[in-house]
Amino acid sequence: MTATATAPATIRRPRRSRIGDRATPARALPLVPAAVLLLLFLAGPIAWALAGSLGDRALSGTQAADPQFVGFDNYVRLFADPVLPLSIGVTVVFVVGSAIIGQNVLGLLLAVLFRSGSRAVAGTVGVLVVTAWVLPEIVAAFVSYAFLSADGTLNGILAAVGIEGPNWLYAFPVVAIILANTWRGTAFSMMIYRAALDDVPLEVIESSMLDGAGGWQRLRLITLPMIRGTIFTNLMLTTLQTLSVFTLIWVMTKGGPGNLSSTLPVLAYTEAFQFGDIGYGNAIAVVMLLLGAVFSIGYVMSLRRSGGRA
């Protein structure tokens, strides 16, 4: 008696989920609160500024009670104003000097030194640097003003050694606000870079040391490429933070002398709340928004080209 062989039944395997599959409403539900917050606190103010820049709203008078639509008249006035190119130039110099060069370079340098230095020195310097960062901006501004004013601490130190110092806030206003903002914001970059350096594998560093690589070679050829994503991310964050600095500059120089230290936030405040032209101030704010977008897009494109990850 021969046994009849039966073909095995076909077993259906479950479909594997693909990344490109369409997201279900249940998966998208956790994103709703974040989307609402973005619309409320980001898109809302941007839309209000854009709409306000197209009108003649003022702080007082008939234009405050019944503002009229004026189209692009505020932008025509703005781009014909000789103060705008000066303010954009001061803003770019301030951002590059205090954020891109000052905070990032100094923060990275401190992070590298703390990693290789003794714990006592690293702890002491770290506390001093972080103290400047945790101070309220208004307090940091008054401290900077007291240090750099004509009869301030710096000139007192110089006078003790027989040197007569100038009024730094009047003679070098942009340099003064760059130094003050660098002093206040370096701690943020230092902590970001310290965390990034801790993620660099020690075996890689030790292997390079066995191969005879010096400290500068290890930093340039190994450490910096490995933390490239963190560098671009920190550059973007510090740039956007510095672009919106107002209190520090207003307390130290009020944008003066003249408009030599008037960044875009200071110029927008002056036009909107001192001269009462809200529509014109909104137009300046839109220009500042576009400048921040240019910096952000540049950083994101550079990060993608380099293949780095934050």
C-alpha atoms as a PDB file:
ATOM      1  CA  MET A   1       0.000   0.000   0.000  1.00  0.00           C
ATOM      2  CA  THR A   2       1.581   3.183  -1.124  1.00  0.00           C
ATOM      3  CA  ALA A   3       1.139   6.435   0.743  1.00  0.00           C
ATOM      4  CA  THR A   4       0.018   9.360  -1.264  1.00  0.00           C
ATOM      5  CA  ALA A   5       2.228  12.418  -0.791  1.00  0.00           C
ATOM      6  CA  THR A   6       0.376  15.618  -0.336  1.00  0.00           C
ATOM      7  CA  ALA A   7       1.805  18.995  -1.268  1.00  0.00           C
ATOM      8  CA  PRO A   8       2.450  21.223   1.696  1.00  0.00           C
ATOM      9  CA  ALA A   9      -0.002  24.038   2.111  1.00  0.00           C
ATOM     10  CA  THR A  10       1.243  27.479   1.097  1.00  0.00           C
ATOM     11  CA  ILE A  11       2.084  29.553   4.139  1.00  0.00           C
ATOM     12  CA  ARG A  12       1.350  33.237   3.820  1.00  0.00           C
ATOM     13  CA  ARG A  13       3.772  35.473   5.564  1.00  0.00           C
ATOM     14  CA  PRO A  14       2.579  38.757   7.003  1.00  0.00           C
ATOM     15  CA  ARG A  15       3.560  41.842   5.057  1.00  0.00           C
ATOM     16  CA  ARG A  16       6.443  43.756   6.465  1.00  0.00           C
ATOM     17  CA  SER A  17       5.769  47.359   7.255  1.00  0.00           C
ATOM     18  CA  ARG A  18       7.653  49.767   5.050  1.00  0.00           C
ATOM     19  CA  ILE A  19       8.916  53.177   5.981  1.00  0.00           C
ATOM     20  CA  GLY A  20       7.200  54.640   2.954  1.00  0.00           C
ATOM     21  CA  ASP A  21       3.774  53.243   3.860  1.00  0.00           C
ATOM     22  CA  ARG A  22       1.094  55.834   4.409  1.00  0.00           C
ATOM     23  CA  ALA A  23       0.822  56.835   8.064  1.00  0.00           C
ATOM     24  CA  THR A  24      -2.452  56.020   9.757  1.00  0.00           C
ATOM     25  CA  PRO A  25      -4.365  58.715  11.690  1.00  0.00           C
ATOM     26  CA  ALA A  26      -3.505  56.916  14.930  1.00  0.00           C
ATOM     27  CA  ARG A  27       0.212  57.298  14.228  1.00  0.00           C
ATOM     28  CA  ALA A  28      -0.142  60.971  13.398  1.00  0.00           C
ATOM     29  CA  LEU A  29      -2.244  61.723  16.487  1.00  0.00           C
ATOM     30  CA  PRO A  30       0.729  62.350  18.855  1.00  0.00           C
ATOM     31  CA  LEU A  31       1.963  65.053  16.437  1.00  0.00           C
ATOM     32  CA  VAL A  32      -1.210  67.108  16.766  1.00  0.00           C
ATOM     33  CA  PRO A  33      -0.282  68.967  20.013  1.00  0.00           C
ATOM     34  CA  ALA A  34       3.149  69.887  18.597  1.00  0.00           C
ATOM     35  CA  ALA A  35       1.578  71.085  15.339  1.00  0.00           C
ATOM     36  CA  VAL A  36      -0.967  73.200  17.253  1.00  0.00           C
ATOM     37  CA  LEU A  37       1.791  74.793  19.360  1.00  0.00           C
ATOM     38  CA  LEU A  38       3.854  75.559  16.246  1.00  0.00           C
ATOM     39  CA  LEU A  39       0.867  77.176  14.554  1.00  0.00           C
ATOM     40  CA  LEU A  40       0.001  79.155  17.677  1.00  0.00           C
ATOM     41  CA  PHE A  41       3.434  80.414  18.747  1.00  0.00           C
ATOM     42  CA  LEU A  42       5.381  80.380  15.464  1.00  0.00           C
ATOM     43  CA  ALA A  43       3.133  80.677  12.449  1.00  0.00           C
ATOM     44  CA  GLY A  44       0.733  83.033  14.251  1.00  0.00           C
ATOM     45  CA  PRO A  45       3.259  85.775  15.110  1.00  0.00           C
ATOM     46  CA  ILE A  46       4.894  85.465  11.674  1.00  0.00           C
ATOM     47  CA  ALA A  47       1.533  85.905   9.964  1.00  0.00           C
ATOM     48  CA  TRP A  48       0.717  88.869  12.230  1.00  0.00           C
ATOM     49  CA  ALA A  49       4.050  90.528  11.414  1.00  0.00           C
ATOM     50  CA  LEU A  50       3.547  90.004   7.682  1.00  0.00           C
ATOM     51  CA  ALA A  51       0.026  91.413   7.831  1.00  0.00           C
ATOM     52  CA  GLY A  52       1.115  94.317  10.022  1.00  0.00           C
ATOM     53  CA  SER A  53       3.926  95.243   7.640  1.00  0.00           C
ATOM     54  CA  LEU A  54       1.334  95.846   4.917  1.00  0.00           C
ATOM     55  CA  GLY A  55      -0.555  98.466   6.939  1.00  0.00           C
ATOM     56  CA  ASP A  56       0.057 101.875   8.502  1.00  0.00           C
ATOM     57  CA  ARG A  57      -0.728 100.908  12.100  1.00  0.00           C
ATOM     58  CA  ALA A  58       0.668 103.293  14.731  1.00  0.00           C
ATOM     59  CA  LEU A  59       0.748 103.490  18.512  1.00  0.00           C
ATOM     60  CA  SER A  60      -1.503 106.535  18.704  1.00  0.00           C
ATOM     61  CA  GLY A  61      -3.761 108.705  16.598  1.00  0.00           C
ATOM     62  CA  THR A  62      -6.221 107.730  13.894  1.00  0.00           C
ATOM     63  CA  GLN A  63      -3.830 105.120  12.478  1.00  0.00           C
ATOM     64  CA  ALA A  64      -3.971 103.255  15.788  1.00  0.00           C
ATOM     65  CA  ALA A  65      -7.771 103.191  15.817  1.00  0.00           C
ATOM     66  CA  ASP A  66      -8.304 102.628  12.105  1.00  0.00           C
ATOM     67  CA  PRO A  67      -5.176 101.333  10.321  1.00  0.00           C
ATOM     68  CA  GLN A  68      -5.276 101.240   6.544  1.00  0.00           C
ATOM     69  CA  PHE A  69      -3.832  98.794   4.062  1.00  0.00           C
ATOM     70  CA  VAL A  70      -0.846 100.386   2.294  1.00  0.00           C
ATOM     71  CA  GLY A  71       0.566  97.393   0.426  1.00  0.00           C
ATOM     72  CA  PHE A  72       4.345  97.414   0.079  1.00  0.00           C
ATOM     73  CA  ASP A  73       4.781 101.105   0.946  1.00  0.00           C
ATOM     74  CA  ASN A  74       6.589 100.236   4.205  1.00  0.00           C
ATOM     75  CA  TYR A  75       9.057  98.065   2.305  1.00  0.00           C
ATOM     76  CA  VAL A  76       9.635 100.789  -0.299  1.00  0.00           C
ATOM     77  CA  ARG A  77      10.430 103.232   2.520  1.00  0.00           C
ATOM     78  CA  LEU A  78      12.588 100.665   4.274  1.00  0.00           C
ATOM     79  CA  PHE A  79      14.780  99.752   1.315  1.00  0.00           C
ATOM     80  CA  ALA A  80      15.218 103.439   0.491  1.00  0.00           C
ATOM     81  CA  ASP A  81      16.344 104.156   4.074  1.00  0.00           C
ATOM     82  CA  PRO A  82      20.170 104.413   4.322  1.00  0.00           C
ATOM     83  CA  VAL A  83      19.977 103.086   7.888  1.00  0.00           C
ATOM     84  CA  LEU A  84      18.835  99.620   6.710  1.00  0.00           C
ATOM     85  CA  PRO A  85      22.110  98.551   4.995  1.00  0.00           C
ATOM     86  CA  LEU A  86      24.052  99.811   8.019  1.00  0.00           C
ATOM     87  CA  SER A  87      21.778  97.889  10.398  1.00  0.00           C
ATOM     88  CA  ILE A  88      22.013  94.689   8.342  1.00  0.00           C
ATOM     89  CA  GLY A  89      25.800  95.026   8.243  1.00  0.00           C
ATOM     90  CA  VAL A  90      26.001  95.569  12.014  1.00  0.00           C
ATOM     91  CA  THR A  91      23.703  92.582  12.571  1.00  0.00           C
ATOM     92  CA  VAL A  92      25.822  90.291  10.391  1.00  0.00           C
ATOM     93  CA  VAL A  93      29.057  91.450  12.049  1.00  0.00           C
ATOM     94  CA  PHE A  94      27.490  90.994  15.490  1.00  0.00           C
ATOM     95  CA  VAL A  95      26.252  87.470  14.670  1.00  0.00           C
ATOM     96  CA  VAL A  96      29.496  86.365  13.011  1.00  0.00           C
ATOM     97  CA  GLY A  97      31.693  87.896  15.707  1.00  0.00           C
ATOM     98  CA  SER A  98      29.828  86.810  18.821  1.00  0.00           C
ATOM     99  CA  ALA A  99      28.070  83.605  17.708  1.00  0.00           C
ATOM    100  CA  ILE A 100      29.951  81.947  14.858  1.00  0.00           C
ATOM    101  CA  ILE A 101      33.477  82.938  15.938  1.00  0.00           C
ATOM    102  CA  GLY A 102      33.173  83.948  19.583  1.00  0.00           C
ATOM    103  CA  GLN A 103      30.815  81.483  21.232  1.00  0.00           C
ATOM    104  CA  ASN A 104      31.544  78.469  19.024  1.00  0.00           C
ATOM    105  CA  VAL A 105      35.321  78.749  18.821  1.00  0.00           C
ATOM    106  CA  LEU A 106      35.728  79.672  22.487  1.00  0.00           C
ATOM    107  CA  GLY A 107      33.170  77.068  23.583  1.00  0.00           C
ATOM    108  CA  LEU A 108      34.935  74.325  21.616  1.00  0.00           C
ATOM    109  CA  LEU A 109      38.325  75.417  22.933  1.00  0.00           C
ATOM    110  CA  LEU A 110      37.097  75.344  26.531  1.00  0.00           C
ATOM    111  CA  ALA A 111      35.484  71.941  26.023  1.00  0.00           C
ATOM    112  CA  VAL A 112      38.740  70.498  24.639  1.00  0.00           C
ATOM    113  CA  LEU A 113      40.803  72.035  27.447  1.00  0.00           C
ATOM    114  CA  PHE A 114      38.398  70.772  30.111  1.00  0.00           C
ATOM    115  CA  ARG A 115      38.652  67.254  28.728  1.00  0.00           C
ATOM    116  CA  SER A 116      42.443  67.245  28.847  1.00  0.00           C
ATOM    117  CA  GLY A 117      42.962  69.425  31.922  1.00  0.00           C
ATOM    118  CA  SER A 118      42.745  68.684  35.612  1.00  0.00           C
ATOM    119  CA  ARG A 119      39.388  68.381  37.323  1.00  0.00           C
ATOM    120  CA  ALA A 120      40.078  71.263  39.704  1.00  0.00           C
ATOM    121  CA  VAL A 121      40.880  73.743  36.926  1.00  0.00           C
ATOM    122  CA  ALA A 122      38.048  72.486  34.704  1.00  0.00           C
ATOM    123  CA  GLY A 123      35.541  72.746  37.557  1.00  0.00           C
ATOM    124  CA  THR A 124      36.597  76.256  38.564  1.00  0.00           C
ATOM    125  CA  VAL A 125      36.624  77.692  35.047  1.00  0.00           C
ATOM    126  CA  GLY A 126      33.414  75.835  34.200  1.00  0.00           C
ATOM    127  CA  VAL A 127      31.590  77.426  37.137  1.00  0.00           C
ATOM    128  CA  LEU A 128      32.789  80.905  36.122  1.00  0.00           C
ATOM    129  CA  VAL A 129      31.695  80.414  32.504  1.00  0.00           C
ATOM    130  CA  VAL A 130      28.304  78.910  33.373  1.00  0.00           C
ATOM    131  CA  THR A 131      27.611  81.702  35.882  1.00  0.00           C
ATOM    132  CA  ALA A 132      27.631  84.257  33.066  1.00  0.00           C
ATOM    133  CA  TRP A 133      25.149  82.120  31.113  1.00  0.00           C
ATOM    134  CA  VAL A 134      22.639  81.635  33.946  1.00  0.00           C
ATOM    135  CA  LEU A 135      22.529  85.350  34.733  1.00  0.00           C
ATOM    136  CA  PRO A 136      19.387  87.092  33.450  1.00  0.00           C
ATOM    137  CA  GLU A 137      20.138  89.032  30.289  1.00  0.00           C
ATOM    138  CA  ILE A 138      19.337  92.365  31.935  1.00  0.00           C
ATOM    139  CA  VAL A 139      21.832  91.628  34.736  1.00  0.00           C
ATOM    140  CA  ALA A 140      24.515  90.540  32.256  1.00  0.00           C
ATOM    141  CA  ALA A 141      23.888  93.745  30.301  1.00  0.00           C
ATOM    142  CA  PHE A 142      24.366  95.976  33.355  1.00  0.00           C
ATOM    143  CA  VAL A 143      27.520  94.058  34.346  1.00  0.00           C
ATOM    144  CA  SER A 144      28.921  94.533  30.832  1.00  0.00           C
ATOM    145  CA  TYR A 145      28.002  98.217  30.883  1.00  0.00           C
ATOM    146  CA  ALA A 146      29.712  98.691  34.243  1.00  0.00           C
ATOM    147  CA  PHE A 147      32.836  96.943  32.978  1.00  0.00           C
ATOM    148  CA  LEU A 148      33.185  98.813  29.652  1.00  0.00           C
ATOM    149  CA  SER A 149      31.851 102.308  30.420  1.00  0.00           C
ATOM    150  CA  ALA A 150      34.115 105.371  30.616  1.00  0.00           C
ATOM    151  CA  ASP A 151      34.497 105.123  34.403  1.00  0.00           C
ATOM    152  CA  GLY A 152      34.030 101.367  34.523  1.00  0.00           C
ATOM    153  CA  THR A 153      36.082  98.469  35.823  1.00  0.00           C
ATOM    154  CA  LEU A 154      38.248  98.035  32.716  1.00  0.00           C
ATOM    155  CA  ASN A 155      39.383 101.658  32.659  1.00  0.00           C
ATOM    156  CA  GLY A 156      39.960 101.486  36.409  1.00  0.00           C
ATOM    157  CA  ILE A 157      42.341  98.557  35.887  1.00  0.00           C
ATOM    158  CA  LEU A 158      44.106 100.387  33.061  1.00  0.00           C
ATOM    159  CA  ALA A 159      44.411 103.548  35.168  1.00  0.00           C
ATOM    160  CA  ALA A 160      46.087 101.528  37.910  1.00  0.00           C
ATOM    161  CA  VAL A 161      48.943 100.740  35.518  1.00  0.00           C
ATOM    162  CA  GLY A 162      49.121 104.263  34.079  1.00  0.00           C
ATOM    163  CA  ILE A 163      47.014 103.782  30.936  1.00  0.00           C
ATOM    164  CA  GLU A 164      44.086 106.053  30.141  1.00  0.00           C
ATOM    165  CA  GLY A 165      41.365 104.008  28.511  1.00  0.00           C
ATOM    166  CA  PRO A 166      38.658 105.380  26.176  1.00  0.00           C
ATOM    167  CA  ASN A 167      34.917 105.119  26.539  1.00  0.00           C
ATOM    168  CA  TRP A 168      34.715 101.668  24.996  1.00  0.00           C
ATOM    169  CA  LEU A 169      30.945 101.836  24.485  1.00  0.00           C
ATOM    170  CA  TYR A 170      31.351 105.022  22.429  1.00  0.00           C
ATOM    171  CA  ALA A 171      34.654 104.379  20.666  1.00  0.00           C
ATOM    172  CA  PHE A 172      34.120 100.679  19.852  1.00  0.00           C
ATOM    173  CA  PRO A 173      30.387  99.968  20.313  1.00  0.00           C
ATOM    174  CA  VAL A 174      30.181  96.886  18.060  1.00  0.00           C
ATOM    175  CA  VAL A 175      33.278  95.337  19.617  1.00  0.00           C
ATOM    176  CA  ALA A 176      31.811  95.993  23.070  1.00  0.00           C
ATOM    177  CA  ILE A 177      28.514  94.245  22.386  1.00  0.00           C
ATOM    178  CA  ILE A 178      30.301  91.352  20.632  1.00  0.00           C
ATOM    179  CA  LEU A 179      32.523  90.779  23.677  1.00  0.00           C
ATOM    180  CA  ALA A 180      29.579  91.041  26.070  1.00  0.00           C
ATOM    181  CA  ASN A 181      27.428  88.585  24.128  1.00  0.00           C
ATOM    182  CA  THR A 182      30.360  86.186  23.720  1.00  0.00           C
ATOM    183  CA  TRP A 183      31.007  86.294  27.465  1.00  0.00           C
ATOM    184  CA  ARG A 184      27.366  85.592  28.237  1.00  0.00           C
ATOM    185  CA  GLY A 185      26.676  82.864  25.659  1.00  0.00           C
ATOM    186  CA  THR A 186      29.875  80.798  25.510  1.00  0.00           C
ATOM    187  CA  ALA A 187      28.730  78.422  28.264  1.00  0.00           C
ATOM    188  CA  PHE A 188      25.951  77.030  26.056  1.00  0.00           C
ATOM    189  CA  SER A 189      28.399  76.052  23.307  1.00  0.00           C
ATOM    190  CA  MET A 190      30.870  74.731  25.864  1.00  0.00           C
ATOM    191  CA  MET A 191      28.312  72.319  27.341  1.00  0.00           C
ATOM    192  CA  ILE A 192      27.141  71.173  23.907  1.00  0.00           C
ATOM    193  CA  TYR A 193      30.696  70.451  22.785  1.00  0.00           C
ATOM    194  CA  ARG A 194      31.627  68.751  26.054  1.00  0.00           C
ATOM    195  CA  ALA A 195      28.756  66.310  25.556  1.00  0.00           C
ATOM    196  CA  ALA A 196      29.805  65.733  21.942  1.00  0.00           C
ATOM    197  CA  LEU A 197      33.444  65.130  22.881  1.00  0.00           C
ATOM    198  CA  ASP A 198      32.380  62.579  25.485  1.00  0.00           C
ATOM    199  CA  ASP A 199      30.771  60.560  22.665  1.00  0.00           C
ATOM    200  CA  VAL A 200      34.038  60.312  20.714  1.00  0.00           C
ATOM    201  CA  PRO A 201      35.335  56.728  21.289  1.00  0.00           C
ATOM    202  CA  LEU A 202      38.473  56.662  23.426  1.00  0.00           C
ATOM    203  CA  GLU A 203      39.892  53.751  21.444  1.00  0.00           C
ATOM    204  CA  VAL A 204      39.977  55.910  18.328  1.00  0.00           C
ATOM    205  CA  ILE A 205      41.891  58.637  20.173  1.00  0.00           C
ATOM    206  CA  GLU A 206      44.273  56.087  21.680  1.00  0.00           C
ATOM    207  CA  SER A 207      44.904  54.481  18.293  1.00  0.00           C
ATOM    208  CA  SER A 208      45.782  57.847  16.780  1.00  0.00           C
ATOM    209  CA  MET A 209      48.154  58.543  19.673  1.00  0.00           C
ATOM    210  CA  LEU A 210      49.892  55.224  19.042  1.00  0.00           C
ATOM    211  CA  ASP A 211      50.252  56.236  15.400  1.00  0.00           C
ATOM    212  CA  GLY A 212      52.077  59.384  16.503  1.00  0.00           C
ATOM    213  CA  ALA A 213      49.322  61.961  15.947  1.00  0.00           C
ATOM    214  CA  GLY A 214      49.743  65.134  17.997  1.00  0.00           C
ATOM    215  CA  GLY A 215      47.016  67.021  19.815  1.00  0.00           C
ATOM    216  CA  TRP A 216      46.263  69.400  16.919  1.00  0.00           C
ATOM    217  CA  GLN A 217      46.239  66.543  14.403  1.00  0.00           C
ATOM    218  CA  ARG A 218      43.833  64.518  16.553  1.00  0.00           C
ATOM    219  CA  LEU A 219      41.529  67.503  16.886  1.00  0.00           C
ATOM    220  CA  ARG A 220      41.587  68.433  13.189  1.00  0.00           C
ATOM    221  CA  LEU A 221      41.563  64.972  11.591  1.00  0.00           C
ATOM    222  CA  ILE A 222      39.576  62.868  14.064  1.00  0.00           C
ATOM    223  CA  THR A 223      37.594  64.829  16.645  1.00  0.00           C
ATOM    224  CA  LEU A 224      36.164  67.629  14.498  1.00  0.00           C
ATOM    225  CA  PRO A 225      34.960  65.316  11.668  1.00  0.00           C
ATOM    226  CA  MET A 226      33.286  63.032  14.217  1.00  0.00           C
ATOM    227  CA  ILE A 227      31.348  65.893  15.847  1.00  0.00           C
ATOM    228  CA  ARG A 228      30.614  67.717  12.566  1.00  0.00           C
ATOM    229  CA  GLY A 229      26.853  67.363  12.988  1.00  0.00           C
ATOM    230  CA  THR A 230      26.959  68.853  16.476  1.00  0.00           C
ATOM    231  CA  ILE A 231      29.050  71.773  15.210  1.00  0.00           C
ATOM    232  CA  PHE A 232      26.520  72.694  12.502  1.00  0.00           C
ATOM    233  CA  THR A 233      23.587  72.288  14.883  1.00  0.00           C
ATOM    234  CA  ASN A 234      25.214  74.459  17.534  1.00  0.00           C
ATOM    235  CA  LEU A 235      26.123  77.073  14.926  1.00  0.00           C
ATOM    236  CA  MET A 236      22.482  77.291  13.871  1.00  0.00           C
ATOM    237  CA  LEU A 237      21.194  77.546  17.452  1.00  0.00           C
ATOM    238  CA  THR A 238      23.681  80.196  18.568  1.00  0.00           C
ATOM    239  CA  THR A 239      23.165  82.183  15.368  1.00  0.00           C
ATOM    240  CA  LEU A 240      19.391  82.346  15.811  1.00  0.00           C
ATOM    241  CA  GLN A 241      19.763  83.189  19.502  1.00  0.00           C
ATOM    242  CA  THR A 242      22.248  85.974  18.756  1.00  0.00           C
ATOM    243  CA  LEU A 243      20.150  87.340  15.908  1.00  0.00           C
ATOM    244  CA  SER A 244      17.336  88.095  18.367  1.00  0.00           C
ATOM    245  CA  VAL A 245      19.485  89.694  21.114  1.00  0.00           C
ATOM    246  CA  PHE A 246      17.926  92.996  22.148  1.00  0.00           C
ATOM    247  CA  THR A 247      18.219  93.715  25.890  1.00  0.00           C
ATOM    248  CA  LEU A 248      22.009  93.425  26.013  1.00  0.00           C
ATOM    249  CA  ILE A 249      22.499  95.936  23.191  1.00  0.00           C
ATOM    250  CA  TRP A 250      19.779  98.300  24.375  1.00  0.00           C
ATOM    251  CA  VAL A 251      21.185  98.581  27.894  1.00  0.00           C
ATOM    252  CA  MET A 252      24.801  98.980  26.744  1.00  0.00           C
ATOM    253  CA  THR A 253      24.528 101.340  23.754  1.00  0.00           C
ATOM    254  CA  LYS A 254      20.848 101.785  22.721  1.00  0.00           C
ATOM    255  CA  GLY A 255      22.095 101.229  19.192  1.00  0.00           C
ATOM    256  CA  GLY A 256      24.425 104.213  19.343  1.00  0.00           C
ATOM    257  CA  PRO A 257      26.376 106.299  18.912  1.00  0.00           C
ATOM    258  CA  GLY A 258      24.140 107.250  16.026  1.00  0.00           C
ATOM    259  CA  ASN A 259      23.179 103.897  14.527  1.00  0.00           C
ATOM    260  CA  LEU A 260      26.647 102.326  14.681  1.00  0.00           C
ATOM    261  CA  SER A 261      25.498  99.462  16.940  1.00  0.00           C
ATOM    262  CA  SER A 262      21.855  99.356  15.887  1.00  0.00           C
ATOM    263  CA  THR A 263      21.075  95.754  14.955  1.00  0.00           C
ATOM    264  CA  LEU A 264      17.775  94.832  13.300  1.00  0.00           C
ATOM    265  CA  PRO A 265      15.953  94.076  16.605  1.00  0.00           C
ATOM    266  CA  VAL A 266      17.045  97.448  18.011  1.00  0.00           C
ATOM    267  CA  LEU A 267      16.034  99.256  14.815  1.00  0.00           C
ATOM    268  CA  ALA A 268      12.630  97.534  14.777  1.00  0.00           C
ATOM    269  CA  TYR A 269      11.994  98.475  18.421  1.00  0.00           C
ATOM    270  CA  THR A 270      13.059 102.080  17.843  1.00  0.00           C
ATOM    271  CA  GLU A 271      10.786 102.559  14.839  1.00  0.00           C
ATOM    272  CA  ALA A 272       7.809 100.722  16.334  1.00  0.00           C
ATOM    273  CA  PHE A 273       7.787 101.845  19.965  1.00  0.00           C
ATOM    274  CA  GLN A 274       9.807 105.056  20.096  1.00  0.00           C
ATOM    275  CA  PHE A 275       8.594 106.603  16.858  1.00  0.00           C
ATOM    276  CA  GLY A 276       5.231 104.819  17.032  1.00  0.00           C
ATOM    277  CA  ASP A 277       5.297 103.387  13.490  1.00  0.00           C
ATOM    278  CA  ILE A 278       4.160  99.793  14.073  1.00  0.00           C
ATOM    279  CA  GLY A 279       3.800  98.950  10.382  1.00  0.00           C
ATOM    280  CA  TYR A 280       7.331 100.107   9.593  1.00  0.00           C
ATOM    281  CA  GLY A 281       8.687  98.193  12.592  1.00  0.00           C
ATOM    282  CA  ASN A 282       6.921  95.053  11.374  1.00  0.00           C
ATOM    283  CA  ALA A 283       8.594  95.426   7.982  1.00  0.00           C
ATOM    284  CA  ILE A 284      11.995  95.501   9.697  1.00  0.00           C
ATOM    285  CA  ALA A 285      11.017  92.398  11.679  1.00  0.00           C
ATOM    286  CA  VAL A 286      10.175  90.588   8.431  1.00  0.00           C
ATOM    287  CA  VAL A 287      13.622  91.458   7.053  1.00  0.00           C
ATOM    288  CA  MET A 288      15.160  90.056  10.244  1.00  0.00           C
ATOM    289  CA  LEU A 289      13.079  86.899   9.812  1.00  0.00           C
ATOM    290  CA  LEU A 290      14.363  86.488   6.255  1.00  0.00           C
ATOM    291  CA  LEU A 291      17.953  86.982   7.420  1.00  0.00           C
ATOM    292  CA  GLY A 292      17.503  84.252  10.019  1.00  0.00           C
ATOM    293  CA  ALA A 293      16.031  81.973   7.351  1.00  0.00           C
ATOM    294  CA  VAL A 294      19.097  82.553   5.139  1.00  0.00           C
ATOM    295  CA  PHE A 295      21.430  81.531   7.984  1.00  0.00           C
ATOM    296  CA  SER A 296      19.298  78.478   8.844  1.00  0.00           C
ATOM    297  CA  ILE A 297      19.022  77.249   5.252  1.00  0.00           C
ATOM    298  CA  GLY A 298      22.764  77.692   4.781  1.00  0.00           C
ATOM    299  CA  TYR A 299      23.521  75.604   7.871  1.00  0.00           C
ATOM    300  CA  VAL A 300      21.057  72.859   6.938  1.00  0.00           C
ATOM    301  CA  MET A 301      22.411  72.617   3.388  1.00  0.00           C
ATOM    302  CA  SER A 302      25.997  72.512   4.672  1.00  0.00           C
ATOM    303  CA  LEU A 303      25.067  69.768   7.131  1.00  0.00           C
ATOM    304  CA  ARG A 304      23.420  67.677   4.408  1.00  0.00           C
ATOM    305  CA  ARG A 305      26.350  68.100   2.030  1.00  0.00           C
ATOM    306  CA  SER A 306      28.777  67.040   4.717  1.00  0.00           C
ATOM    307  CA  GLY A 307      26.683  64.004   5.610  1.00  0.00           C
ATOM    308  CA  GLY A 308      26.786  64.847   9.288  1.00  0.00           C
ATOM    309  CA  ARG A 309      24.090  64.200  11.855  1.00  0.00           C
ATOM    310  CA  ALA A 310      23.243  66.242  14.907  1.00  0.00           C
END
